Structures are given as structure tokens and as C-alpha cells.
Protein backbone atom coordinates (compact mmCIF):
# COMPACT_ATOMS: atom_id res chain seq x y z
CA MET A 1 45.41 159.87 178.93
CA ASP A 2 45.68 163.13 180.78
CA GLY A 3 44.53 161.40 183.91
CA GLU A 4 41.02 161.05 182.85
CA PRO A 5 39.52 157.52 183.14
CA GLU A 6 38.85 156.02 179.77
CA THR A 7 35.16 155.07 179.08
CA GLN A 8 34.91 152.14 176.92
CA GLN A 9 31.38 151.78 174.94
CA ARG A 10 30.11 148.28 174.44
CA THR A 11 28.69 147.83 171.00
CA SER A 12 26.53 145.07 170.27
CA VAL A 13 27.05 143.33 167.06
CA ASP A 14 24.16 141.58 165.39
CA LEU A 15 25.63 138.21 164.05
CA GLY A 16 22.08 137.47 162.53
CA PRO A 17 18.82 135.54 163.61
CA GLN A 18 19.13 133.00 166.34
CA CYS A 19 18.73 129.38 165.58
CA PRO A 20 15.41 127.89 167.06
CA SER A 21 17.20 124.76 167.71
CA CYS A 22 20.49 125.80 169.78
CA GLY A 23 19.87 129.58 170.20
CA GLU A 24 23.03 130.79 168.85
CA PRO A 25 22.84 133.64 166.20
CA TRP A 26 24.38 131.99 163.26
CA LEU A 27 21.41 131.17 161.09
CA ARG A 28 22.15 131.73 157.53
CA PRO A 29 20.09 131.59 154.36
CA THR A 30 20.97 128.79 151.88
CA ASN A 31 20.82 128.88 148.21
CA LEU A 32 17.28 127.82 148.26
CA PRO A 33 14.52 130.30 148.74
CA GLY A 34 12.97 130.10 152.24
CA ARG A 35 15.61 127.71 153.64
CA TYR A 36 18.02 128.28 156.41
CA ARG A 37 20.90 126.56 157.98
CA CYS A 38 22.46 127.33 161.53
CA VAL A 39 26.31 127.02 160.83
CA TYR A 40 26.69 126.24 164.52
CA CYS A 41 24.75 123.22 164.90
CA LEU A 42 24.10 122.32 161.24
CA HIS A 43 20.47 122.09 161.82
CA ARG A 44 18.18 122.94 158.53
CA PHE A 45 14.84 125.02 158.79
CA GLU A 46 12.33 126.07 156.18
CA LEU A 47 10.31 129.40 156.52
CA THR A 48 6.62 128.48 156.56
CA SER A 49 3.44 130.59 155.73
CA VAL A 50 1.39 129.31 158.64
CA CYS A 51 2.48 129.56 162.33
CA PRO A 52 2.97 126.33 163.92
CA ASN A 53 2.19 128.03 167.24
CA CYS A 54 -1.02 130.04 166.63
CA GLY A 55 -1.97 128.78 163.23
CA GLU A 56 -1.89 132.65 161.77
CA HIS A 57 -1.08 132.87 158.13
CA SER A 58 1.38 135.36 156.76
CA THR A 59 2.92 136.20 153.48
CA ILE A 60 6.56 134.96 152.82
CA VAL A 61 8.85 137.11 150.92
CA ARG A 62 11.07 134.48 150.44
CA MET A 63 14.02 136.25 148.29
CA SER A 64 14.50 139.07 150.87
CA SER A 65 17.44 139.31 152.82
CA THR A 66 15.22 140.81 155.71
CA ALA A 67 12.61 137.93 155.76
CA ILE A 68 10.41 138.19 158.83
CA LEU A 69 11.21 134.78 160.64
CA LYS A 70 8.63 135.58 163.53
CA CYS A 71 5.04 135.43 163.69
CA ASN A 72 3.37 138.81 163.70
CA ASN A 73 0.52 137.68 165.85
CA CYS A 74 2.26 135.41 168.51
CA GLY A 75 6.08 136.19 167.81
CA ASP A 76 6.93 132.55 167.71
CA SER A 77 9.19 131.43 164.94
CA MET A 78 7.93 130.74 161.60
CA LEU A 79 10.77 128.14 160.98
CA GLN A 80 10.21 124.68 160.68
CA ALA A 81 13.02 121.90 160.93
CA VAL A 82 13.56 120.09 157.67
């Protein structure tokens, strides 16, 4: 309007954690603590306390909605397929 070009800002929307299987951002917690399901590919995962990549142990806060799904040491996923 008024002869000025409109500048559109692209806002990134966080849809949730990415699925380790398909890579889509549709990983959701289930009714069981520490369990997740991808609503895109329907694979199920369990949050583990030992990293499958480097073997580092970490404490799990299973009931937290902000659960850390990546290893603090190597950055790999702490989710294992069920």
C-alpha cells in the first residue's frame, strides 16, 4: 500500500521433534512415559538412558514435556525403535 513493497517475514513453525525413522517433525509422546510415536510413519520409539552411539549414560525425565531426545555428549538420538 502507499506504493511501498510489502515485506513478508517467514516465521518458522516448530511442529515438534523429528522422527529418527522418516525425518518428519511429527514425533509425539504416547500415554506411556518415555514412549513416542511418529504420527506420519507410525513407528514407535522408547527413550533410553544409554546413548546407542557413544554409550554415555544420562538421566531421563520421562514425564517432562521438554524431554531431551538427543545425547548431551555426541548429539545422537536417545530414541530406540520398539
